[in-house]
Amino acid sequence: MPDSSNRGDLRLSIPAAAAFHSVARDVAVRFAQGAGAAADAAARLGEAVERLVSRVTAGQIEFTMEHRDHMVVVRASSGSISEEASCPLPD
């Protein structure tokens, strides 16, 4: 299991173009894995993030990835759209 003693937050901005959706997914998966999430939970988070970004078709998408309690939470925002996806972390 990865060393989860150094938990930080991450902010990321990507273009809303479909070519970048997989980047958002991959970064979310790696962030969750680095925080100690199980591989299957991290993969589900990545899929949820990709669904979130597919709803934005223009401009930039701002991401905040953070630890809250025993969860990794990813917030995606663009203009008036703001949604979250999360995955559990082990105790």
C-alpha atoms as a PDB file:
ATOM      1  CA  MET A   1       0.000   0.000   0.000  1.00  0.00           C
ATOM      2  CA  PRO A   2       1.320   3.505  -0.780  1.00  0.00           C
ATOM      3  CA  ASP A   3       2.621   5.633   2.055  1.00  0.00           C
ATOM      4  CA  SER A   4      -0.349   7.832   2.930  1.00  0.00           C
ATOM      5  CA  SER A   5       1.430   9.910   5.582  1.00  0.00           C
ATOM      6  CA  ASN A   6       2.012  12.756   3.133  1.00  0.00           C
ATOM      7  CA  ARG A   7      -1.508  13.630   2.061  1.00  0.00           C
ATOM      8  CA  GLY A   8      -1.829  16.825   0.100  1.00  0.00           C
ATOM      9  CA  ASP A   9      -4.420  18.515  -2.021  1.00  0.00           C
ATOM     10  CA  LEU A  10      -4.157  19.039  -5.763  1.00  0.00           C
ATOM     11  CA  ARG A  11      -5.547  21.706  -8.031  1.00  0.00           C
ATOM     12  CA  LEU A  12      -5.618  21.156 -11.774  1.00  0.00           C
ATOM     13  CA  SER A  13      -6.999  23.087 -14.723  1.00  0.00           C
ATOM     14  CA  ILE A  14      -7.550  21.425 -18.105  1.00  0.00           C
ATOM     15  CA  PRO A  15      -9.282  22.395 -21.346  1.00  0.00           C
ATOM     16  CA  ALA A  16     -12.806  20.999 -21.652  1.00  0.00           C
ATOM     17  CA  ALA A  17     -11.966  19.365 -24.998  1.00  0.00           C
ATOM     18  CA  ALA A  18     -12.696  15.645 -25.077  1.00  0.00           C
ATOM     19  CA  ALA A  19      -9.029  14.864 -25.749  1.00  0.00           C
ATOM     20  CA  PHE A  20      -8.243  15.905 -22.150  1.00  0.00           C
ATOM     21  CA  HIS A  21     -10.943  13.898 -20.367  1.00  0.00           C
ATOM     22  CA  SER A  22      -8.655  10.905 -19.945  1.00  0.00           C
ATOM     23  CA  VAL A  23      -6.040  13.167 -18.348  1.00  0.00           C
ATOM     24  CA  ALA A  24      -8.528  14.159 -15.646  1.00  0.00           C
ATOM     25  CA  ARG A  25      -9.461  10.522 -15.115  1.00  0.00           C
ATOM     26  CA  ASP A  26      -5.861   9.345 -14.878  1.00  0.00           C
ATOM     27  CA  VAL A  27      -4.820  12.102 -12.467  1.00  0.00           C
ATOM     28  CA  ALA A  28      -7.810  11.362 -10.208  1.00  0.00           C
ATOM     29  CA  VAL A  29      -6.978   7.642 -10.178  1.00  0.00           C
ATOM     30  CA  ARG A  30      -3.330   8.280  -9.307  1.00  0.00           C
ATOM     31  CA  PHE A  31      -4.259  10.821  -6.646  1.00  0.00           C
ATOM     32  CA  ALA A  32      -6.654   8.336  -5.013  1.00  0.00           C
ATOM     33  CA  GLN A  33      -4.114   5.509  -5.197  1.00  0.00           C
ATOM     34  CA  GLY A  34      -1.462   7.755  -3.679  1.00  0.00           C
ATOM     35  CA  ALA A  35      -3.848   8.513  -0.839  1.00  0.00           C
ATOM     36  CA  GLY A  36      -4.235   4.793  -0.158  1.00  0.00           C
ATOM     37  CA  ALA A  37      -7.492   3.975  -1.972  1.00  0.00           C
ATOM     38  CA  ALA A  38      -7.961   0.428  -3.190  1.00  0.00           C
ATOM     39  CA  ALA A  39      -7.313  -0.014  -6.909  1.00  0.00           C
ATOM     40  CA  ASP A  40     -10.975  -0.761  -7.714  1.00  0.00           C
ATOM     41  CA  ALA A  41     -12.222   2.258  -5.723  1.00  0.00           C
ATOM     42  CA  ALA A  42      -9.672   4.507  -7.458  1.00  0.00           C
ATOM     43  CA  ALA A  43     -10.757   3.161 -10.860  1.00  0.00           C
ATOM     44  CA  ARG A  44     -14.424   3.873 -10.068  1.00  0.00           C
ATOM     45  CA  LEU A  45     -13.464   7.410  -9.030  1.00  0.00           C
ATOM     46  CA  GLY A  46     -11.659   7.861 -12.355  1.00  0.00           C
ATOM     47  CA  GLU A  47     -14.751   6.713 -14.250  1.00  0.00           C
ATOM     48  CA  ALA A  48     -16.933   9.116 -12.262  1.00  0.00           C
ATOM     49  CA  VAL A  49     -14.545  12.005 -12.970  1.00  0.00           C
ATOM     50  CA  GLU A  50     -14.598  11.211 -16.673  1.00  0.00           C
ATOM     51  CA  ARG A  51     -18.417  11.294 -16.618  1.00  0.00           C
ATOM     52  CA  LEU A  52     -18.303  14.680 -14.848  1.00  0.00           C
ATOM     53  CA  VAL A  53     -15.970  16.245 -17.391  1.00  0.00           C
ATOM     54  CA  SER A  54     -17.964  14.902 -20.329  1.00  0.00           C
ATOM     55  CA  ARG A  55     -20.774  17.294 -19.340  1.00  0.00           C
ATOM     56  CA  VAL A  56     -18.568  20.338 -19.981  1.00  0.00           C
ATOM     57  CA  THR A  57     -18.043  21.120 -23.657  1.00  0.00           C
ATOM     58  CA  ALA A  58     -16.252  24.476 -23.693  1.00  0.00           C
ATOM     59  CA  GLY A  59     -13.770  26.492 -21.683  1.00  0.00           C
ATOM     60  CA  GLN A  60     -11.639  25.240 -18.817  1.00  0.00           C
ATOM     61  CA  ILE A  61     -12.414  22.718 -16.095  1.00  0.00           C
ATOM     62  CA  GLU A  62     -10.972  23.410 -12.667  1.00  0.00           C
ATOM     63  CA  PHE A  63     -10.355  20.415 -10.432  1.00  0.00           C
ATOM     64  CA  THR A  64      -9.741  20.256  -6.719  1.00  0.00           C
ATOM     65  CA  MET A  65      -8.670  16.877  -5.376  1.00  0.00           C
ATOM     66  CA  GLU A  66      -8.516  16.598  -1.614  1.00  0.00           C
ATOM     67  CA  HIS A  67      -8.755  14.353   1.398  1.00  0.00           C
ATOM     68  CA  ARG A  68     -11.804  14.743   3.612  1.00  0.00           C
ATOM     69  CA  ASP A  69     -12.057  12.474   6.594  1.00  0.00           C
ATOM     70  CA  HIS A  70     -11.692   8.976   5.097  1.00  0.00           C
ATOM     71  CA  MET A  71     -12.517  10.008   1.532  1.00  0.00           C
ATOM     72  CA  VAL A  72     -10.853  11.386  -1.567  1.00  0.00           C
ATOM     73  CA  VAL A  73     -13.107  14.060  -3.031  1.00  0.00           C
ATOM     74  CA  VAL A  74     -12.745  15.465  -6.537  1.00  0.00           C
ATOM     75  CA  ARG A  75     -14.634  18.645  -7.396  1.00  0.00           C
ATOM     76  CA  ALA A  76     -14.908  19.652 -11.051  1.00  0.00           C
ATOM     77  CA  SER A  77     -16.043  23.208 -11.808  1.00  0.00           C
ATOM     78  CA  SER A  78     -16.588  25.157 -14.999  1.00  0.00           C
ATOM     79  CA  GLY A  79     -18.638  28.327 -15.074  1.00  0.00           C
ATOM     80  CA  SER A  80     -21.869  27.652 -13.194  1.00  0.00           C
ATOM     81  CA  ILE A  81     -21.342  23.870 -13.222  1.00  0.00           C
ATOM     82  CA  SER A  82     -19.796  22.288 -10.134  1.00  0.00           C
ATOM     83  CA  GLU A  83     -19.971  18.611  -9.265  1.00  0.00           C
ATOM     84  CA  GLU A  84     -18.151  16.152  -6.996  1.00  0.00           C
ATOM     85  CA  ALA A  85     -17.119  12.537  -7.068  1.00  0.00           C
ATOM     86  CA  SER A  86     -15.511  10.634  -4.212  1.00  0.00           C
ATOM     87  CA  CYS A  87     -14.017   7.338  -3.150  1.00  0.00           C
ATOM     88  CA  PRO A  88     -13.421   5.829   0.274  1.00  0.00           C
ATOM     89  CA  LEU A  89     -10.041   5.447   1.931  1.00  0.00           C
ATOM     90  CA  PRO A  90      -9.252   2.618   4.296  1.00  0.00           C
ATOM     91  CA  ASP A  91      -9.296   3.400   8.020  1.00  0.00           C
END
